[in-house]
Amino acid sequence: MSFIAPTRSQAPQGLRKILHVNWPLVLLIGAVSSFGFLMLYSVAGGSFSPWARPQMMRFGAGIFIMFFVAFTPIGFWRSITVLVYGGGLALLLAVMFVGDVGMGAQRWIDLGFFNLQPSETMKIAVVMALALYYDWLDPEKVSHLFWVTIPLVIIGIPAALVIVQPDLGTAILIVLSGAVVMFLAGVSLWYFAAALALGGGTIFAVFWSRGTDWQLLKNYQYRRIDTFLDPSLDPLGAGYHITQSKIALGSGGVSGRGFMQGTQSRLNFLPEKHTDFIFTTLAEEFGYVGSTILLVLYALIVIFCAVSAMNNRDRFGALLTSGISATFFFFFAVNMAMVMGLAPVVGVPLPLVSYGGSAMLVLLGAFGLIQSAHIHRPRGH
């Protein structure tokens, strides 16, 4: 009788899936989320209510969703991609008619037990749709004008629906993530050069339209741009957020003031301290060291996803993994740039750290898709 343990290829199917899970990625996700639990506990004055406990419960549900998605063959997710994308568009349209309004924006659908933000699901649905499209498309046609137009429509429709909510930050993430998938699929660089030129023209038009009947942005969005360029213009109004954020970032120093010792958050000078500006609370309490640790964890997540994509010979799985990891990168990069004054305040939360149900569950489900592509990728014998 042989007592030699079976290899991965010889193990039962269920055990093989467990062995093929990208466990370092799971541990990194848990580590980043733990930062969020600590910060939500801190900003509540040392209490698990009202933010930390619900966030931990959502994380538990999200981990279950992640493994459920991960152990489901990637072929199944490929087969329902059109349904996911179409359902996401339907939900975005539903928001326009039955969505709840909060803080001047109509972004949520009240399900009774949960407020769903369809724009969060659309970020992943767009990546799935583009990965399916380029998996189907002949590589020789990738840069032909007609075949470039179709992905632009796939990206443009949901981005437009999100902008009118208004939610400029999420619309930007949809466009950037879609552009990454197009780039990795092999679309000619000339198209990206043209897009940059068009973007420059759009920025000019945005400023030119201000105060006219055809003004392209809301007044509060223009105030955010003004504040970004010169926060001192309205330090107690539109510039208050970024001014207090910079004070918190600077007061943390190298090692921080200590856990639950941040004066900006404890004395309620820092607005949105549990959502968009939670990074400044972390920087104040744990300083440069703590901020760097979180940034390194984020970078490692992106690196592990990129390595998984490069080792995946399935075009759909590789593009899906790359697109989701790009979405995750832009997620935290835009938030950090925003709270440091390097980008306008566009309302993008810090992934896995900021308080929020839709963002947490959708993001963990997206990591489940990455794990599914990793577990079920073609392997040599």
Protein backbone atom coordinates (compact mmCIF):
# COMPACT_ATOMS: atom_id res chain seq x y z
CA MET A 1 0.00 0.00 0.00
CA SER A 2 1.33 3.41 -0.95
CA PHE A 3 1.15 6.30 1.46
CA ILE A 4 2.54 8.87 -1.00
CA ALA A 5 0.37 12.01 -1.02
CA PRO A 6 -1.34 12.70 -4.34
CA THR A 7 0.00 15.48 -6.52
CA ARG A 8 -2.21 18.37 -7.54
CA SER A 9 -3.06 16.66 -10.82
CA GLN A 10 -3.93 13.40 -9.04
CA ALA A 11 -6.00 14.93 -6.22
CA PRO A 12 -9.82 14.91 -6.33
CA GLN A 13 -11.32 17.81 -8.28
CA GLY A 14 -12.54 19.72 -5.21
CA LEU A 15 -9.17 19.41 -3.50
CA ARG A 16 -7.38 20.48 -6.68
CA LYS A 17 -9.41 23.69 -6.75
CA ILE A 18 -8.47 24.45 -3.16
CA LEU A 19 -4.80 23.77 -3.89
CA HIS A 20 -4.89 26.02 -6.95
CA VAL A 21 -6.38 29.00 -5.08
CA ASN A 22 -4.07 32.02 -5.11
CA TRP A 23 -3.75 31.99 -1.33
CA PRO A 24 -1.25 34.89 -1.07
CA LEU A 25 -3.86 37.06 -2.78
CA VAL A 26 -6.50 35.96 -0.25
CA LEU A 27 -4.18 36.83 2.65
CA LEU A 28 -3.39 40.24 1.16
CA ILE A 29 -7.09 41.01 0.76
CA GLY A 30 -7.65 40.06 4.41
CA ALA A 31 -4.74 42.24 5.54
CA VAL A 32 -6.00 45.33 3.69
CA SER A 33 -9.55 44.79 4.97
CA SER A 34 -8.19 44.55 8.53
CA PHE A 35 -6.80 48.06 8.12
CA GLY A 36 -10.34 49.12 7.28
CA PHE A 37 -11.81 47.45 10.37
CA LEU A 38 -9.26 49.17 12.60
CA MET A 39 -9.91 52.58 11.07
CA LEU A 40 -13.69 52.25 11.25
CA TYR A 41 -13.36 51.22 14.90
CA SER A 42 -11.15 54.24 15.53
CA VAL A 43 -13.28 56.89 13.81
CA ALA A 44 -16.30 55.67 15.81
CA GLY A 45 -14.45 56.54 19.01
CA GLY A 46 -13.46 52.99 19.92
CA SER A 47 -16.72 51.29 19.04
CA PHE A 48 -17.67 48.56 16.58
CA SER A 49 -20.87 50.50 15.91
CA PRO A 50 -22.00 52.00 13.64
CA TRP A 51 -19.39 51.14 10.99
CA ALA A 52 -16.87 48.45 11.92
CA ARG A 53 -19.32 45.66 12.80
CA PRO A 54 -21.45 45.96 9.63
CA GLN A 55 -18.28 46.18 7.55
CA MET A 56 -16.90 42.99 9.12
CA MET A 57 -20.19 41.22 8.47
CA ARG A 58 -20.14 42.33 4.85
CA PHE A 59 -16.55 41.16 4.55
CA GLY A 60 -17.57 37.72 5.82
CA ALA A 61 -20.39 37.57 3.28
CA GLY A 62 -18.03 38.86 0.60
CA ILE A 63 -15.44 36.16 1.31
CA PHE A 64 -18.16 33.53 0.92
CA ILE A 65 -19.15 35.11 -2.40
CA MET A 66 -15.51 35.25 -3.50
CA PHE A 67 -14.92 31.53 -2.94
CA PHE A 68 -18.27 30.62 -4.50
CA VAL A 69 -17.34 32.59 -7.61
CA ALA A 70 -13.77 31.24 -7.52
CA PHE A 71 -14.78 27.56 -7.46
CA THR A 72 -17.29 28.05 -10.29
CA PRO A 73 -15.61 27.36 -13.66
CA ILE A 74 -14.54 30.46 -15.55
CA GLY A 75 -16.44 29.13 -18.56
CA PHE A 76 -19.70 29.70 -16.72
CA TRP A 77 -18.88 33.34 -16.02
CA ARG A 78 -17.89 33.73 -19.67
CA SER A 79 -21.26 32.31 -20.72
CA ILE A 80 -23.30 34.78 -18.64
CA THR A 81 -21.21 37.89 -19.35
CA VAL A 82 -23.78 39.36 -21.74
CA LEU A 83 -26.48 38.82 -19.11
CA VAL A 84 -24.35 40.49 -16.42
CA TYR A 85 -23.64 43.49 -18.64
CA GLY A 86 -27.26 43.84 -19.73
CA GLY A 87 -28.48 43.47 -16.15
CA GLY A 88 -26.04 46.17 -15.04
CA LEU A 89 -27.36 48.57 -17.67
CA ALA A 90 -30.93 47.79 -16.61
CA LEU A 91 -30.07 48.61 -13.00
CA LEU A 92 -28.42 51.89 -14.03
CA LEU A 93 -31.58 52.84 -15.91
CA ALA A 94 -33.69 51.83 -12.91
CA VAL A 95 -31.67 54.19 -10.70
CA MET A 96 -32.83 57.11 -12.85
CA PHE A 97 -36.48 56.37 -12.02
CA VAL A 98 -36.58 54.67 -8.61
CA GLY A 99 -33.17 55.39 -7.16
CA ASP A 100 -32.67 56.90 -3.71
CA VAL A 101 -31.13 60.34 -3.49
CA GLY A 102 -28.30 60.98 -1.05
CA MET A 103 -25.90 63.93 -0.78
CA GLY A 104 -27.20 65.40 -4.04
CA ALA A 105 -26.76 62.23 -6.08
CA GLN A 106 -29.16 59.53 -7.22
CA ARG A 107 -27.03 56.38 -7.14
CA TRP A 108 -28.71 53.75 -4.97
CA ILE A 109 -31.61 51.32 -5.17
CA ASP A 110 -33.21 50.50 -1.82
CA LEU A 111 -33.71 46.74 -1.58
CA GLY A 112 -35.08 46.97 1.94
CA PHE A 113 -32.22 45.13 3.63
CA PHE A 114 -29.47 46.64 1.51
CA ASN A 115 -28.79 49.75 -0.59
CA LEU A 116 -27.44 48.59 -3.94
CA GLN A 117 -25.22 50.91 -5.97
CA PRO A 118 -25.44 49.57 -9.56
CA SER A 119 -22.49 51.65 -10.75
CA GLU A 120 -20.20 49.48 -8.60
CA THR A 121 -21.32 46.32 -10.42
CA MET A 122 -21.00 48.07 -13.78
CA LYS A 123 -17.26 48.62 -13.30
CA ILE A 124 -16.78 44.85 -13.32
CA ALA A 125 -19.48 44.16 -15.92
CA VAL A 126 -17.72 46.41 -18.45
CA VAL A 127 -14.42 44.57 -17.95
CA MET A 128 -16.18 41.22 -18.37
CA ALA A 129 -17.88 42.40 -21.57
CA LEU A 130 -14.63 43.68 -23.08
CA ALA A 131 -12.77 40.48 -22.15
CA LEU A 132 -15.50 38.43 -23.84
CA TYR A 133 -15.46 40.68 -26.90
CA TYR A 134 -11.70 40.42 -27.44
CA ASP A 135 -11.75 36.70 -26.68
CA TRP A 136 -14.24 36.35 -29.57
CA LEU A 137 -12.65 38.84 -31.96
CA ASP A 138 -9.99 37.79 -34.46
CA PRO A 139 -6.71 39.42 -33.26
CA GLU A 140 -6.11 40.74 -36.78
CA LYS A 141 -9.26 42.88 -36.53
CA VAL A 142 -8.50 44.43 -33.14
CA SER A 143 -7.32 47.78 -34.53
CA HIS A 144 -9.77 48.09 -37.42
CA LEU A 145 -11.97 51.17 -36.94
CA PHE A 146 -15.30 49.31 -36.95
CA TRP A 147 -14.14 46.80 -34.36
CA VAL A 148 -12.72 49.59 -32.18
CA THR A 149 -16.07 51.38 -32.19
CA ILE A 150 -17.92 48.49 -30.52
CA PRO A 151 -15.86 48.49 -27.27
CA LEU A 152 -16.16 52.28 -27.16
CA VAL A 153 -19.93 51.83 -27.09
CA ILE A 154 -19.61 49.11 -24.42
CA ILE A 155 -17.67 51.58 -22.26
CA GLY A 156 -19.49 54.77 -23.22
CA ILE A 157 -23.10 53.84 -22.47
CA PRO A 158 -22.62 52.91 -18.79
CA ALA A 159 -20.13 55.75 -18.28
CA ALA A 160 -22.71 58.23 -19.55
CA LEU A 161 -25.45 56.78 -17.35
CA VAL A 162 -23.18 57.02 -14.31
CA ILE A 163 -22.16 60.62 -15.04
CA VAL A 164 -25.77 61.82 -14.99
CA GLN A 165 -26.33 60.39 -11.47
CA PRO A 166 -23.92 62.34 -11.02
CA ASP A 167 -20.92 60.14 -10.14
CA LEU A 168 -17.90 61.42 -12.04
CA GLY A 169 -15.41 59.33 -10.06
CA THR A 170 -16.99 55.98 -10.94
CA ALA A 171 -17.43 57.04 -14.57
CA ILE A 172 -13.71 57.83 -14.75
CA LEU A 173 -12.88 54.40 -13.30
CA ILE A 174 -15.09 52.69 -15.91
CA VAL A 175 -13.38 54.54 -18.75
CA LEU A 176 -9.84 53.98 -17.46
CA SER A 177 -10.37 50.27 -16.80
CA GLY A 178 -11.95 49.79 -20.21
CA ALA A 179 -9.03 51.58 -21.85
CA VAL A 180 -6.58 49.22 -20.11
CA VAL A 181 -8.40 46.16 -21.48
CA MET A 182 -8.37 47.66 -24.99
CA PHE A 183 -4.66 48.42 -24.70
CA LEU A 184 -3.81 44.90 -23.50
CA ALA A 185 -5.96 43.41 -26.27
CA GLY A 186 -3.63 45.05 -28.80
CA VAL A 187 -5.55 48.13 -29.98
CA SER A 188 -3.25 50.49 -31.90
CA LEU A 189 -1.58 53.25 -29.88
CA TRP A 190 -2.80 55.81 -32.42
CA TYR A 191 -6.30 55.44 -31.05
CA PHE A 192 -5.05 56.22 -27.55
CA ALA A 193 -3.18 59.26 -28.87
CA ALA A 194 -6.41 60.45 -30.49
CA ALA A 195 -8.27 59.83 -27.22
CA LEU A 196 -5.74 61.95 -25.32
CA ALA A 197 -6.18 64.76 -27.83
CA LEU A 198 -9.96 64.46 -27.50
CA GLY A 199 -9.60 64.48 -23.72
CA GLY A 200 -7.60 67.70 -23.89
CA GLY A 201 -10.30 69.24 -26.06
CA THR A 202 -12.98 68.08 -23.63
CA ILE A 203 -11.19 69.68 -20.69
CA PHE A 204 -11.04 72.93 -22.65
CA ALA A 205 -14.77 72.64 -23.43
CA VAL A 206 -15.58 71.97 -19.77
CA PHE A 207 -13.93 75.21 -18.68
CA TRP A 208 -15.29 77.14 -21.67
CA SER A 209 -18.87 76.03 -20.93
CA ARG A 210 -18.85 77.25 -17.35
CA GLY A 211 -21.65 79.73 -16.73
CA THR A 212 -23.32 79.08 -20.09
CA ASP A 213 -26.65 77.43 -20.89
CA TRP A 214 -24.79 74.30 -22.03
CA GLN A 215 -22.59 73.97 -18.93
CA LEU A 216 -21.08 70.46 -18.98
CA LEU A 217 -20.59 69.92 -15.23
CA LYS A 218 -22.59 70.65 -12.10
CA ASN A 219 -21.70 73.77 -10.14
CA TYR A 220 -20.39 71.70 -7.21
CA GLN A 221 -18.07 69.85 -9.58
CA TYR A 222 -16.63 73.14 -10.80
CA ARG A 223 -16.15 74.17 -7.18
CA ARG A 224 -14.21 70.97 -6.63
CA ILE A 225 -11.94 71.85 -9.56
CA ASP A 226 -11.42 75.36 -8.20
CA THR A 227 -10.65 73.92 -4.79
CA PHE A 228 -8.18 71.48 -6.31
CA LEU A 229 -6.34 74.29 -8.05
CA ASP A 230 -6.44 76.63 -5.02
CA PRO A 231 -7.96 75.27 -1.76
CA SER A 232 -7.48 78.64 -0.05
CA LEU A 233 -10.24 80.18 -2.22
CA ASP A 234 -12.90 78.77 0.13
CA PRO A 235 -11.21 77.18 3.18
CA LEU A 236 -14.47 76.94 5.16
CA GLY A 237 -16.65 75.89 2.22
CA ALA A 238 -15.66 73.95 -0.88
CA GLY A 239 -12.02 73.87 0.24
CA TYR A 240 -12.75 72.57 3.71
CA HIS A 241 -12.45 68.87 2.89
CA ILE A 242 -9.04 69.02 1.27
CA THR A 243 -7.67 71.56 3.76
CA GLN A 244 -8.55 69.37 6.75
CA SER A 245 -7.30 66.30 4.86
CA LYS A 246 -3.88 67.87 4.32
CA ILE A 247 -3.71 68.90 8.00
CA ALA A 248 -4.41 65.29 9.03
CA LEU A 249 -1.85 63.91 6.59
CA GLY A 250 0.83 66.30 7.81
CA SER A 251 0.13 65.87 11.51
CA GLY A 252 0.78 62.13 11.32
CA GLY A 253 4.49 62.61 10.67
CA VAL A 254 6.64 59.50 10.28
CA SER A 255 5.15 57.14 12.85
CA GLY A 256 1.76 58.77 13.51
CA ARG A 257 0.00 60.00 16.61
CA GLY A 258 -1.03 56.51 17.64
CA PHE A 259 -4.13 54.35 17.29
CA MET A 260 -7.29 56.33 18.11
CA GLN A 261 -5.19 59.43 18.82
CA GLY A 262 -5.87 61.36 15.62
CA THR A 263 -7.17 64.80 16.53
CA GLN A 264 -8.65 65.60 13.13
CA SER A 265 -10.97 62.60 13.18
CA ARG A 266 -11.57 62.45 16.94
CA LEU A 267 -12.63 66.12 17.04
CA ASN A 268 -14.69 65.76 13.85
CA PHE A 269 -12.67 68.23 11.82
CA LEU A 270 -12.28 65.64 9.09
CA PRO A 271 -15.44 65.16 6.99
CA GLU A 272 -16.39 61.78 5.45
CA LYS A 273 -13.81 60.23 7.75
CA HIS A 274 -15.32 56.74 7.43
CA THR A 275 -15.69 56.75 3.63
CA ASP A 276 -13.80 58.83 1.05
CA PHE A 277 -11.29 60.37 3.49
CA ILE A 278 -10.51 57.36 5.65
CA PHE A 279 -6.93 57.25 4.33
CA THR A 280 -6.19 60.56 6.05
CA THR A 281 -7.32 59.07 9.37
CA LEU A 282 -4.93 56.18 8.83
CA ALA A 283 -2.10 58.55 7.89
CA GLU A 284 -2.68 60.68 10.99
CA GLU A 285 -2.75 57.73 13.39
CA PHE A 286 -0.05 55.53 11.81
CA GLY A 287 1.95 58.14 9.90
CA TYR A 288 4.15 57.62 6.89
CA VAL A 289 5.02 54.09 8.03
CA GLY A 290 1.42 52.91 8.23
CA SER A 291 0.51 54.59 4.94
CA THR A 292 3.45 52.95 3.21
CA ILE A 293 2.50 49.52 4.56
CA LEU A 294 -1.01 49.88 3.16
CA LEU A 295 0.33 51.08 -0.17
CA VAL A 296 2.71 48.10 -0.34
CA LEU A 297 -0.18 45.72 0.36
CA TYR A 298 -2.17 47.33 -2.46
CA ALA A 299 0.80 47.06 -4.80
CA LEU A 300 1.31 43.38 -3.95
CA ILE A 301 -2.34 42.65 -4.75
CA VAL A 302 -1.92 44.25 -8.19
CA ILE A 303 1.36 42.37 -8.76
CA PHE A 304 -0.11 38.97 -7.86
CA CYS A 305 -3.04 39.65 -10.19
CA ALA A 306 -0.71 40.73 -13.00
CA VAL A 307 1.42 37.60 -12.62
CA SER A 308 -1.71 35.44 -12.69
CA ALA A 309 -2.85 37.17 -15.90
CA MET A 310 0.53 36.72 -17.59
CA ASN A 311 0.55 33.00 -16.76
CA ASN A 312 -2.97 32.46 -18.07
CA ARG A 313 -3.12 31.12 -21.64
CA ASP A 314 -6.89 31.66 -21.78
CA ARG A 315 -7.46 35.04 -23.45
CA PHE A 316 -10.74 35.75 -21.65
CA GLY A 317 -9.30 34.87 -18.24
CA ALA A 318 -6.13 36.88 -18.82
CA LEU A 319 -7.96 40.01 -19.99
CA LEU A 320 -10.54 39.68 -17.22
CA THR A 321 -7.83 39.42 -14.55
CA SER A 322 -5.90 42.35 -16.03
CA GLY A 323 -8.98 44.53 -16.31
CA ILE A 324 -10.15 43.90 -12.74
CA SER A 325 -6.67 44.46 -11.32
CA ALA A 326 -6.50 47.74 -13.29
CA THR A 327 -9.87 48.74 -11.85
CA PHE A 328 -8.57 48.00 -8.36
CA PHE A 329 -5.38 50.00 -9.03
CA PHE A 330 -7.27 53.05 -10.27
CA PHE A 331 -9.64 52.68 -7.32
CA PHE A 332 -6.98 53.24 -4.65
CA ALA A 333 -4.73 55.47 -6.77
CA VAL A 334 -7.52 57.99 -7.46
CA ASN A 335 -8.63 57.99 -3.80
CA MET A 336 -5.11 58.56 -2.47
CA ALA A 337 -4.38 61.26 -5.04
CA MET A 338 -7.70 62.89 -4.16
CA VAL A 339 -7.15 63.10 -0.40
CA MET A 340 -3.56 64.31 -0.88
CA GLY A 341 -4.66 67.16 -3.13
CA LEU A 342 -3.07 65.68 -6.26
CA ALA A 343 -6.46 65.19 -7.96
CA PRO A 344 -9.90 66.81 -7.66
CA VAL A 345 -12.27 65.37 -5.07
CA VAL A 346 -14.47 63.01 -7.11
CA GLY A 347 -16.01 60.81 -4.44
CA VAL A 348 -14.05 57.57 -4.88
CA PRO A 349 -13.77 55.45 -1.70
CA LEU A 350 -10.64 53.55 -0.65
CA PRO A 351 -11.15 49.90 -1.71
CA LEU A 352 -11.60 47.33 1.08
CA VAL A 353 -11.01 50.07 3.68
CA SER A 354 -13.76 52.68 3.30
CA TYR A 355 -17.19 51.93 4.73
CA GLY A 356 -19.63 50.73 2.09
CA GLY A 357 -21.61 47.59 1.32
CA SER A 358 -21.87 47.60 -2.47
CA ALA A 359 -18.20 48.39 -3.02
CA MET A 360 -17.02 45.69 -0.60
CA LEU A 361 -19.25 42.90 -1.93
CA VAL A 362 -18.71 43.71 -5.61
CA LEU A 363 -14.95 43.98 -5.18
CA LEU A 364 -14.70 40.64 -3.36
CA GLY A 365 -16.89 39.08 -6.05
CA ALA A 366 -14.49 40.52 -8.63
CA PHE A 367 -11.55 38.94 -6.85
CA GLY A 368 -13.56 35.72 -7.03
CA LEU A 369 -13.54 36.09 -10.83
CA ILE A 370 -9.76 36.53 -10.73
CA GLN A 371 -9.47 33.40 -8.60
CA SER A 372 -11.78 31.50 -10.96
CA ALA A 373 -9.60 32.46 -13.93
CA HIS A 374 -6.53 31.41 -11.92
CA ILE A 375 -7.93 28.10 -10.66
CA HIS A 376 -9.40 27.00 -14.00
CA ARG A 377 -6.69 28.29 -16.32
CA PRO A 378 -5.25 25.85 -18.88
CA ARG A 379 -2.36 23.86 -17.44
CA GLY A 380 0.20 21.71 -19.17
CA HIS A 381 0.57 18.04 -18.31
